[in-house]
Amino acid sequence: MTESVYKIVELVGSSPTSWEDAAKSAIEKAAKSLRDLRVAEVRELDVKLEGGKIVAYRAKVRVSFKIEGDVD
């Protein structure tokens, strides 16, 4: 059986419309520079306020990807 190692990074995505779009934007941005993304886990949701009104939805997302090469 082949051994695998994965790295986990934490990202924060932002959207003016929804938490779903915020998470999607974080994952899509990560996919542009990280290969072989495996799992995304939404860890925390919050909103940015200005003058008592919501101006942005934010999603903190953990993304894992496989480390390439031999495992020593």
Protein backbone atom coordinates (compact mmCIF):
# COMPACT_ATOMS: atom_id res chain seq x y z
CA MET A 1 0.00 0.00 0.00
CA THR A 2 1.30 3.45 -0.92
CA GLU A 3 1.65 5.99 1.87
CA SER A 4 0.24 9.47 1.34
CA VAL A 5 0.79 12.77 3.11
CA TYR A 6 -1.57 15.72 2.94
CA LYS A 7 -1.08 19.36 3.85
CA ILE A 8 -3.88 21.50 5.25
CA VAL A 9 -4.10 25.25 4.69
CA GLU A 10 -6.66 27.64 6.10
CA LEU A 11 -8.20 30.29 3.87
CA VAL A 12 -10.77 33.05 4.28
CA GLY A 13 -13.07 33.74 1.35
CA SER A 14 -15.28 36.80 1.09
CA SER A 15 -18.43 37.61 -0.89
CA PRO A 16 -20.96 40.43 -0.90
CA THR A 17 -23.81 37.95 -1.52
CA SER A 18 -23.52 34.73 0.57
CA TRP A 19 -21.42 32.39 2.71
CA GLU A 20 -21.62 29.78 -0.06
CA ASP A 21 -20.08 32.21 -2.54
CA ALA A 22 -17.42 33.15 0.02
CA ALA A 23 -16.40 29.50 0.46
CA LYS A 24 -16.51 28.92 -3.29
CA SER A 25 -14.25 31.90 -3.95
CA ALA A 26 -11.65 30.66 -1.44
CA ILE A 27 -11.61 27.18 -2.99
CA GLU A 28 -11.48 28.43 -6.58
CA LYS A 29 -8.60 30.78 -5.76
CA ALA A 30 -6.68 27.97 -4.00
CA ALA A 31 -7.21 25.68 -7.00
CA LYS A 32 -5.29 28.15 -9.19
CA SER A 33 -2.05 27.65 -7.24
CA LEU A 34 -2.45 24.30 -5.43
CA ARG A 35 -2.71 20.97 -7.23
CA ASP A 36 -4.64 17.89 -6.24
CA LEU A 37 -7.08 19.50 -3.78
CA ARG A 38 -8.86 16.74 -1.85
CA VAL A 39 -11.19 18.08 0.86
CA ALA A 40 -12.56 21.46 1.87
CA GLU A 41 -14.07 21.97 5.30
CA VAL A 42 -15.95 25.14 6.25
CA ARG A 43 -14.81 25.91 9.80
CA GLU A 44 -16.34 29.27 10.61
CA LEU A 45 -18.76 31.80 9.15
CA ASP A 46 -18.95 35.50 9.93
CA VAL A 47 -19.98 38.79 8.38
CA LYS A 48 -18.27 42.14 7.95
CA LEU A 49 -20.36 45.09 9.10
CA GLU A 50 -20.31 48.77 8.18
CA GLY A 51 -22.79 51.12 9.82
CA GLY A 52 -24.71 48.18 11.24
CA LYS A 53 -25.25 46.62 7.80
CA ILE A 54 -23.73 43.47 6.32
CA VAL A 55 -21.25 44.36 3.59
CA ALA A 56 -19.53 40.97 3.20
CA TYR A 57 -20.02 37.34 4.11
CA ARG A 58 -16.82 35.50 5.10
CA ALA A 59 -16.08 31.78 5.27
CA LYS A 60 -13.00 30.31 6.93
CA VAL A 61 -12.16 27.15 5.00
CA ARG A 62 -9.57 24.41 5.54
CA VAL A 63 -8.37 22.85 2.30
CA SER A 64 -6.24 19.73 2.05
CA PHE A 65 -4.03 18.65 -0.83
CA LYS A 66 -1.72 15.72 -1.42
CA ILE A 67 2.02 16.28 -1.05
CA GLU A 68 3.85 14.99 -4.11
CA GLY A 69 6.96 12.84 -4.06
CA ASP A 70 8.27 10.09 -1.79
CA VAL A 71 7.38 10.02 1.89
CA ASP A 72 10.43 9.47 4.11
